[in-house]
Every structure is written in structure tokens, then in C-alpha cells.
Amino acid sequence: IPEVVWGPGKSADQIAMKLMSLTERQRVAIAARIDPATYSAVRMHAPGVEYNARARTLKLKSATAEQLPKPRRLPGSVAIVSADTADQAIAEEVRVLSDYMGAYSFQIRDVGAANLHGLLANVASLRAADVVVVVAGTDCALPSLVAGITQSPVIAVPTSAGFGAALAGMAPLLASLSTNTPGITLCNIDNGFGAAAMAVRILKMAARLHVVRSAAEAAAEAAVAAMHALDSARSASSPSEN
């Protein structure tokens, strides 16, 4: 998993120095959880840094990007499903970081349980994805609904969006933990970074297994061909019967 600079707890110059250090050996460096004030301060130390306000991420491109190897795009795709507009910041964090880690992703927005017809209209897209990340706050039923209509791995990210009994994300966290739909992976509250990393790990493992399986199938085909060739040689060398 490529390194991501975690903003909270670091000063602007520390973030800038870390980003610049990373760009010495890779084309792009990313920092997460950056507020606008920190961005303004980082920009003084690292001119050219780009800010995604919704995802709260910084991106710095290497000055020698063309001389560095291009990162490989992973096979497969990640669907990022969000329940409400209030969940968009975390969904965008998942998108930015999964892209940085080499995954192709696409978003399906505003399809909470109250908008069931919107979710059902995207069933084909959900089933086509290799991994599905579900970002939901007060609408904590969404991960269970999605896991019920797709066979792909589902990663739930409860968010702190909501009020009252949502308890700053604790209610959707507990709801996802106690879901009756088996096999859901659960991240911490607002942990878009963790969800992106998990999705990428799944895609990398799937790609590795595909390579191993392809090699095994090729070896098996070669062995069968060799056996056929040996049988043919034996038949050709055997004396013919009168």
C-alpha cells in the first residue's frame, strides 16, 4: 500500500517535507485530513501542491515525474456507494486514495434506504464491481442492503454525519457490526483511508491469484500436450501389425 501522509498532529512544514520526500521516488504524493488553513500553510513550503476540499487531501506531483516509473493500474474496479450528501466527504476520500493506490473506482451517490429505487436502479453497476465500499451515516441500513444484492466483498464505512441518537457515527457503527447479512468488512467511523486500503488489498490478492491460476493452467496444458506428443511418438515407433 503506497504511503499516505496523515495530516492531523503534524505541522505544515512537516507535511510539506514529507510530501516532497515522497516525490523524490514516486510520481505523486498524497496527504489526508488536511483543513483549509493547513493547506494554505503547506502551500508556502511546497508550491504546486493541489487541494481537494471535499476529500480534504493534498496532492503534490514530482518535478521529475516523467523520469519515474508509472504506477500500474490494478485490474478490477471499486464501487463507492454513499447514502447521503452528508457522506460525500468520506466517499470522496475513498475515491482519491483508492485511485492513488492504483485502483479504478466509480461512485454511486445518494442511494440511502429512503431512496431504495435509486439503489435498485444501480444493481447492474454494483454487481459489476469487484469490491463495494458503502459510506453511510444515519442511514446505517445501506451496507446490509448492498451486501444482499451483490456477491462482491462489501466494506462498510460508518460516518459521523447525523444528529441525536446517531451519536457521531456510533449508531451506524454498531448497526453494521450487528448486521444479519454475513461477510461485511467494517472500518472505523469516517475511516475512508482504511476502506480504500482494504479495497486495494482485495484487488491485489485477486490479481495475484489470477496470475497463479493462469500459470497453473498453462503448466497443465503443457503437460497434457507433452503426454499427447509422447503417445504419438510411441505409436509411430511401434511395428505395424500385418
Protein backbone atom coordinates (compact mmCIF):
# COMPACT_ATOMS: atom_id res chain seq x y z
CA ILE A 1 0.00 0.00 0.00
CA PRO A 2 1.56 3.36 -1.01
CA GLU A 3 2.35 5.69 1.86
CA VAL A 4 -0.20 8.41 2.68
CA VAL A 5 0.84 11.40 4.79
CA TRP A 6 -1.63 11.67 7.69
CA GLY A 7 -2.22 15.36 8.40
CA PRO A 8 -3.62 15.50 11.96
CA GLY A 9 -0.91 16.05 14.54
CA LYS A 10 1.65 17.30 12.01
CA SER A 11 2.74 20.87 11.36
CA ALA A 12 2.52 22.41 7.90
CA ASP A 13 6.28 22.23 7.34
CA GLN A 14 6.35 18.58 8.44
CA ILE A 15 3.60 17.73 5.95
CA ALA A 16 5.36 19.64 3.18
CA MET A 17 8.72 17.99 3.89
CA LYS A 18 7.16 14.53 3.89
CA LEU A 19 5.34 15.15 0.61
CA MET A 20 8.50 16.45 -1.06
CA SER A 21 10.46 13.50 0.25
CA LEU A 22 7.97 11.04 -1.24
CA THR A 23 8.02 12.75 -4.64
CA GLU A 24 11.74 12.07 -4.91
CA ARG A 25 10.91 8.40 -5.59
CA GLN A 26 7.33 8.42 -6.88
CA ARG A 27 5.28 10.50 -9.29
CA VAL A 28 2.65 11.72 -6.83
CA ALA A 29 2.38 12.04 -3.04
CA ILE A 30 -0.86 12.39 -1.08
CA ALA A 31 -1.68 13.83 2.34
CA ALA A 32 -5.05 13.18 4.01
CA ARG A 33 -7.26 15.03 6.52
CA ILE A 34 -5.98 18.49 5.65
CA ASP A 35 -8.09 21.52 6.61
CA PRO A 36 -8.04 24.73 4.51
CA ALA A 37 -5.80 26.61 6.96
CA THR A 38 -3.20 23.82 6.88
CA TYR A 39 -3.36 23.76 3.09
CA SER A 40 -2.59 27.46 2.92
CA ALA A 41 0.40 26.98 5.19
CA VAL A 42 1.68 23.90 3.32
CA ARG A 43 1.47 25.78 0.03
CA MET A 44 4.04 28.26 1.36
CA HIS A 45 6.53 25.39 1.79
CA ALA A 46 5.54 23.29 -1.25
CA PRO A 47 4.42 25.41 -4.21
CA GLY A 48 2.34 23.46 -6.70
CA VAL A 49 0.50 21.39 -4.11
CA GLU A 50 -3.15 20.75 -5.08
CA TYR A 51 -6.04 20.69 -2.62
CA ASN A 52 -9.25 18.66 -2.85
CA ALA A 53 -11.52 20.48 -0.40
CA ARG A 54 -14.21 17.82 -0.33
CA ALA A 55 -11.84 14.91 0.27
CA ARG A 56 -9.55 17.09 2.43
CA THR A 57 -6.49 15.77 0.62
CA LEU A 58 -3.33 17.31 -0.77
CA LYS A 59 -1.58 16.10 -3.91
CA LEU A 60 1.96 17.00 -4.87
CA LYS A 61 3.39 15.94 -8.22
CA SER A 62 7.07 15.16 -8.60
CA ALA A 63 9.19 17.64 -10.52
CA THR A 64 10.81 14.64 -12.24
CA ALA A 65 7.57 12.70 -12.82
CA GLU A 66 8.41 11.78 -16.42
CA GLN A 67 11.61 10.11 -15.27
CA LEU A 68 9.88 7.96 -12.65
CA PRO A 69 8.08 4.69 -13.42
CA LYS A 70 4.34 4.88 -13.99
CA PRO A 71 2.27 3.13 -11.30
CA ARG A 72 0.43 0.05 -12.51
CA ARG A 73 -3.34 0.19 -12.59
CA LEU A 74 -4.86 -2.77 -10.75
CA PRO A 75 -7.33 -4.97 -12.59
CA GLY A 76 -10.91 -4.76 -11.35
CA SER A 77 -12.98 -1.89 -10.00
CA VAL A 78 -14.25 -0.40 -6.75
CA ALA A 79 -17.80 0.93 -6.42
CA ILE A 80 -18.13 3.65 -3.79
CA VAL A 81 -21.73 3.90 -2.61
CA SER A 82 -22.85 6.79 -0.42
CA ALA A 83 -26.17 7.18 1.34
CA ASP A 84 -26.49 10.94 1.55
CA THR A 85 -24.85 14.22 0.56
CA ALA A 86 -23.52 14.49 4.12
CA ASP A 87 -21.45 11.34 3.48
CA GLN A 88 -19.76 12.74 0.37
CA ALA A 89 -16.59 13.94 2.10
CA ILE A 90 -15.68 10.41 3.22
CA ALA A 91 -16.79 8.90 -0.11
CA GLU A 92 -14.53 11.34 -1.94
CA GLU A 93 -11.66 10.45 0.40
CA VAL A 94 -12.13 6.79 -0.56
CA ARG A 95 -12.13 7.71 -4.26
CA VAL A 96 -8.99 9.88 -4.11
CA LEU A 97 -6.99 7.41 -2.03
CA SER A 98 -8.05 4.27 -3.91
CA ASP A 99 -7.08 5.99 -7.16
CA TYR A 100 -3.72 6.94 -5.64
CA MET A 101 -3.20 3.30 -4.63
CA GLY A 102 -3.79 2.10 -8.19
CA ALA A 103 -7.47 1.14 -8.26
CA TYR A 104 -10.17 2.24 -10.70
CA SER A 105 -13.25 3.45 -8.84
CA PHE A 106 -16.65 4.95 -9.55
CA GLN A 107 -19.27 6.50 -7.29
CA ILE A 108 -22.97 5.84 -6.77
CA ARG A 109 -24.39 8.73 -4.75
CA ASP A 110 -27.49 9.45 -2.66
CA VAL A 111 -28.91 5.92 -2.62
CA GLY A 112 -29.80 5.52 1.05
CA ALA A 113 -32.55 3.21 2.24
CA ALA A 114 -35.06 6.05 1.83
CA ASN A 115 -34.13 6.11 -1.87
CA LEU A 116 -34.45 2.38 -2.49
CA HIS A 117 -35.48 2.81 -6.12
CA GLY A 118 -32.22 4.71 -6.72
CA LEU A 119 -30.23 1.83 -5.27
CA LEU A 120 -32.12 -0.75 -7.33
CA ALA A 121 -31.52 1.29 -10.48
CA ASN A 122 -27.79 0.74 -9.94
CA VAL A 123 -27.89 -3.01 -9.28
CA ALA A 124 -26.06 -3.83 -12.53
CA SER A 125 -23.23 -1.45 -11.69
CA LEU A 126 -22.96 -2.80 -8.15
CA ARG A 127 -22.77 -6.39 -9.36
CA ALA A 128 -20.16 -5.47 -11.96
CA ALA A 129 -17.80 -4.04 -9.33
CA ASP A 130 -15.19 -6.31 -7.79
CA VAL A 131 -15.30 -4.53 -4.41
CA VAL A 132 -18.02 -2.27 -2.99
CA VAL A 133 -17.37 0.38 -0.34
CA VAL A 134 -20.52 1.64 1.38
CA VAL A 135 -20.33 5.01 3.13
CA ALA A 136 -23.30 5.76 5.37
CA GLY A 137 -24.06 7.77 8.49
CA THR A 138 -27.59 7.90 9.84
CA ASP A 139 -28.70 5.55 7.05
CA CYS A 140 -26.97 2.58 8.62
CA ALA A 141 -29.14 0.02 6.78
CA LEU A 142 -27.35 0.65 3.47
CA PRO A 143 -24.35 -1.73 3.93
CA SER A 144 -26.71 -4.61 4.68
CA LEU A 145 -28.90 -3.81 1.67
CA VAL A 146 -25.91 -3.62 -0.67
CA ALA A 147 -24.40 -6.86 0.65
CA GLY A 148 -27.73 -8.55 -0.01
CA ILE A 149 -27.72 -7.73 -3.73
CA THR A 150 -24.07 -8.30 -4.68
CA GLN A 151 -21.66 -11.19 -4.22
CA SER A 152 -18.62 -8.91 -4.22
CA PRO A 153 -16.83 -8.04 -0.96
CA VAL A 154 -18.57 -5.17 0.86
CA ILE A 155 -16.66 -2.72 3.07
CA ALA A 156 -18.81 -0.54 5.35
CA VAL A 157 -17.66 2.90 6.48
CA PRO A 158 -19.93 4.44 9.12
CA THR A 159 -19.73 8.22 9.16
CA SER A 160 -20.24 10.83 11.84
CA ALA A 161 -22.92 12.55 9.73
CA GLY A 162 -26.23 12.72 11.54
CA PHE A 163 -27.53 14.02 14.82
CA GLY A 164 -29.09 12.95 18.10
CA ALA A 165 -29.17 9.17 18.52
CA ALA A 166 -26.71 8.75 15.65
CA LEU A 167 -24.11 9.51 18.34
CA ALA A 168 -21.50 10.89 15.93
CA GLY A 169 -21.29 7.63 14.00
CA MET A 170 -21.57 5.17 16.88
CA ALA A 171 -25.10 4.09 15.87
CA PRO A 172 -24.18 3.15 12.26
CA LEU A 173 -21.00 1.51 13.55
CA LEU A 174 -22.96 -0.75 15.90
CA ALA A 175 -25.64 -1.39 13.27
CA SER A 176 -23.02 -2.59 10.80
CA LEU A 177 -21.43 -4.78 13.47
CA SER A 178 -24.75 -6.44 14.29
CA THR A 179 -26.00 -6.83 10.70
CA ASN A 180 -27.73 -10.05 9.73
CA THR A 181 -26.03 -10.00 6.33
CA PRO A 182 -22.83 -12.08 6.68
CA GLY A 183 -19.43 -11.17 5.32
CA ILE A 184 -19.35 -7.38 5.64
CA THR A 185 -15.97 -5.83 6.46
CA LEU A 186 -16.27 -2.86 8.82
CA CYS A 187 -13.98 0.15 9.13
CA ASN A 188 -13.87 2.69 11.93
CA ILE A 189 -16.03 5.83 11.89
CA ASP A 190 -15.07 8.16 9.00
CA ASN A 191 -12.18 5.87 8.04
CA GLY A 192 -12.17 6.34 4.27
CA PHE A 193 -8.43 5.72 4.16
CA GLY A 194 -8.85 2.30 5.77
CA ALA A 195 -11.64 1.38 3.34
CA ALA A 196 -9.55 2.38 0.33
CA ALA A 197 -6.58 0.36 1.61
CA MET A 198 -8.77 -2.72 2.21
CA ALA A 199 -10.32 -2.49 -1.25
CA VAL A 200 -6.87 -2.27 -2.85
CA ARG A 201 -5.63 -5.25 -0.83
CA ILE A 202 -8.55 -7.32 -2.13
CA LEU A 203 -7.86 -6.31 -5.75
CA LYS A 204 -4.15 -7.07 -5.36
CA MET A 205 -4.85 -10.51 -3.92
CA ALA A 206 -7.34 -11.26 -6.71
CA ALA A 207 -4.76 -10.22 -9.32
CA ARG A 208 -2.11 -12.42 -7.68
CA LEU A 209 -4.44 -15.43 -7.61
CA HIS A 210 -5.30 -14.84 -11.26
CA VAL A 211 -1.61 -14.93 -12.19
CA VAL A 212 -1.05 -18.11 -10.16
CA ARG A 213 -4.12 -19.76 -11.68
CA SER A 214 -3.10 -18.77 -15.21
CA ALA A 215 0.39 -20.21 -14.66
CA ALA A 216 -1.06 -23.44 -13.25
CA GLU A 217 -3.44 -23.78 -16.20
CA ALA A 218 -0.61 -23.15 -18.66
CA ALA A 219 1.54 -25.78 -16.93
CA ALA A 220 -1.34 -28.28 -17.04
CA GLU A 221 -1.92 -27.64 -20.75
CA ALA A 222 1.79 -28.08 -21.45
CA ALA A 223 1.83 -31.36 -19.53
CA VAL A 224 -1.17 -32.68 -21.48
CA ALA A 225 0.44 -31.63 -24.77
CA ALA A 226 3.66 -33.40 -23.79
CA MET A 227 1.75 -36.59 -22.95
CA HIS A 228 -0.03 -36.49 -26.32
CA ALA A 229 3.29 -35.95 -28.09
CA LEU A 230 4.83 -38.91 -26.21
CA ASP A 231 1.89 -41.14 -27.08
CA SER A 232 2.18 -40.13 -30.74
CA ALA A 233 5.91 -40.87 -30.73
CA ARG A 234 5.34 -44.29 -29.19
CA SER A 235 2.68 -45.09 -31.75
CA ALA A 236 4.95 -44.05 -34.60
CA SER A 237 7.84 -46.20 -33.33
CA SER A 238 5.75 -49.33 -32.74
CA PRO A 239 5.96 -52.00 -35.51
CA SER A 240 2.79 -52.14 -37.59
CA GLU A 241 0.69 -55.31 -37.48
CA ASN A 242 0.15 -57.29 -40.70
